[in-house]
Every structure is written in structure tokens, then in C-alpha cells.
Amino acid sequence: MMTKTSTNLKYWLALKLVDGLGNMGIKNLLQSFGTKDFRQWAAINEELEKARELNVAIITCEDHRFPQRLLHIYDCPVLLYVKGDLRDLDMSVAVVGSRQASANIQRKDSVGTCP
């Protein structure tokens, strides 16, 4: 039988293995973000599986494939979801959008227009 403690053990170990975080850092992190039971962390496996099924690579800003120009912008994304090949890609791309779109933007008649 899996207990809550044994289910979460790998996440506790992952935190413990972060260099420089320490016991107090872990406790402060968990207290600040309320992730003591790691419920949302379980979504990591689902996200990785979904990416694999869709043949999408998830690359970090430390990956050699990460676009170098992107590293120099303010608030550079730490992850990119990539479908296709980034090798020898030297172009500029603008991405505009929001995960938390306003009701005005979500209205069908506002697509393609600026408020």
C-alpha cells in the first residue's frame, strides 16, 4: 500500500538534491507555495507523456538547442515546447498571447483586433 509519504518521497528527494536549497529553503519553499502534498507535481509525468505522444521536445534555456537570441531578452522563457527542428534556425519570431485571456479577447468578434 502506498502512503502519502511514500508517494511523495521522490519529490522530497528531488528538493533535497537541489544544491544550496537546504532544509530551511525547502521548508520556506513549501510554506510559500503550499505544495506540501505535491499534487501539481504529479502533472509533470502527464506533461512529459503528452509531449512524447505529440512528438514535441521540451527544452530548457540551458539546452544547446535553445535559440541564442531568445536568451538575451528580458524574462526569457525557461522552457520551450518545440515541434520540429531548431538546428540552424536564425530568425526572429514574435509570440503574442495569454494563458489568462480577458473576456473581451475571448469574444469571437474580437479575434484579430486590438481593443
Protein backbone atom coordinates (compact mmCIF):
# COMPACT_ATOMS: atom_id res chain seq x y z
CA MET A 1 0.00 0.00 0.00
CA MET A 2 1.33 3.43 -1.00
CA THR A 3 1.09 6.01 1.74
CA LYS A 4 1.10 9.75 1.13
CA THR A 5 4.69 9.85 2.42
CA SER A 6 5.97 7.12 0.09
CA THR A 7 4.10 8.61 -2.88
CA ASN A 8 5.75 11.98 -2.29
CA LEU A 9 9.19 10.62 -1.42
CA LYS A 10 10.66 11.17 -4.89
CA TYR A 11 9.61 14.83 -4.77
CA TRP A 12 11.14 15.33 -1.32
CA LEU A 13 14.33 13.73 -2.60
CA ALA A 14 14.33 15.96 -5.68
CA LEU A 15 14.11 19.05 -3.47
CA LYS A 16 16.76 17.74 -1.10
CA LEU A 17 19.17 17.20 -4.00
CA VAL A 18 18.97 20.82 -5.20
CA ASP A 19 22.39 22.30 -4.41
CA GLY A 20 22.17 25.19 -1.98
CA LEU A 21 18.48 24.82 -1.17
CA GLY A 22 18.92 23.18 2.25
CA ASN A 23 16.33 22.19 4.82
CA MET A 24 15.18 25.72 5.62
CA GLY A 25 14.99 26.57 1.94
CA ILE A 26 12.79 23.55 1.30
CA LYS A 27 10.54 24.39 4.23
CA ASN A 28 10.27 28.04 3.11
CA LEU A 29 9.53 26.99 -0.46
CA LEU A 30 6.79 24.62 0.64
CA GLN A 31 5.34 27.13 3.08
CA SER A 32 5.30 29.90 0.46
CA PHE A 33 3.82 27.85 -2.36
CA GLY A 34 1.72 25.37 -0.43
CA THR A 35 2.97 22.30 -2.25
CA LYS A 36 3.40 20.00 0.73
CA ASP A 37 1.44 17.19 -0.91
CA PHE A 38 2.93 17.80 -4.37
CA ARG A 39 -0.42 17.37 -6.11
CA GLN A 40 0.51 19.58 -9.06
CA TRP A 41 3.87 17.85 -9.34
CA ALA A 42 2.07 14.70 -10.44
CA ALA A 43 1.16 16.63 -13.60
CA ILE A 44 4.84 16.53 -14.62
CA ASN A 45 4.61 12.92 -15.76
CA GLU A 46 1.40 13.69 -17.65
CA GLU A 47 3.03 16.67 -19.38
CA LEU A 48 6.07 14.63 -20.39
CA GLU A 49 3.88 11.81 -21.69
CA LYS A 50 1.68 14.21 -23.67
CA ALA A 51 4.77 15.82 -25.22
CA ARG A 52 6.14 12.38 -26.12
CA GLU A 53 2.84 11.35 -27.73
CA LEU A 54 2.74 14.56 -29.79
CA ASN A 55 6.42 14.26 -30.73
CA VAL A 56 7.16 17.57 -29.02
CA ALA A 57 10.52 18.29 -27.40
CA ILE A 58 10.59 20.28 -24.19
CA ILE A 59 13.90 22.13 -23.99
CA THR A 60 15.28 24.32 -21.23
CA CYS A 61 17.17 27.58 -21.54
CA GLU A 62 20.31 25.57 -20.68
CA ASP A 63 19.87 23.28 -23.70
CA HIS A 64 22.31 23.80 -26.60
CA ARG A 65 19.29 23.81 -28.97
CA PHE A 66 17.67 26.79 -27.24
CA PRO A 67 17.65 29.84 -29.58
CA GLN A 68 20.56 32.05 -28.53
CA ARG A 69 18.78 35.31 -29.33
CA LEU A 70 15.97 34.34 -27.02
CA LEU A 71 18.43 34.04 -24.13
CA HIS A 72 19.08 37.78 -24.30
CA ILE A 73 15.52 39.05 -23.86
CA TYR A 74 14.05 40.25 -20.61
CA ASP A 75 12.12 37.45 -18.88
CA CYS A 76 13.40 34.75 -21.23
CA PRO A 77 11.25 31.61 -21.05
CA VAL A 78 12.90 28.79 -19.14
CA LEU A 79 11.17 26.15 -21.27
CA LEU A 80 10.20 25.88 -24.93
CA TYR A 81 7.90 23.29 -26.42
CA VAL A 82 9.31 22.50 -29.86
CA LYS A 83 7.75 20.57 -32.69
CA GLY A 84 10.25 20.22 -35.49
CA ASP A 85 13.92 21.07 -35.74
CA LEU A 86 15.61 24.18 -34.32
CA ARG A 87 19.02 23.49 -35.89
CA ASP A 88 20.40 26.37 -37.91
CA LEU A 89 17.34 28.46 -37.13
CA ASP A 90 18.32 32.12 -37.15
CA MET A 91 15.14 34.11 -37.38
CA SER A 92 13.08 36.36 -35.19
CA VAL A 93 9.64 35.25 -34.10
CA ALA A 94 7.07 37.16 -32.10
CA VAL A 95 4.61 35.29 -29.91
CA VAL A 96 1.68 37.21 -28.55
CA GLY A 97 -0.90 35.68 -26.29
CA SER A 98 -2.03 34.98 -22.82
CA ARG A 99 -2.97 31.92 -20.84
CA GLN A 100 -5.30 34.17 -18.87
CA ALA A 101 -7.07 35.99 -21.71
CA SER A 102 -9.61 38.62 -20.74
CA ALA A 103 -13.30 38.13 -21.52
CA ASN A 104 -13.00 40.79 -24.23
CA ILE A 105 -10.24 38.89 -26.01
CA GLN A 106 -12.12 35.60 -25.69
CA ARG A 107 -15.14 37.02 -27.52
CA LYS A 108 -15.27 35.70 -31.05
CA ASP A 109 -15.79 39.14 -32.61
CA SER A 110 -12.58 40.49 -31.08
CA VAL A 111 -10.27 37.96 -32.74
CA GLY A 112 -7.71 39.75 -34.86
CA THR A 113 -8.43 43.18 -33.45
CA CYS A 114 -6.84 45.26 -30.76
CA PRO A 115 -9.03 46.79 -28.07
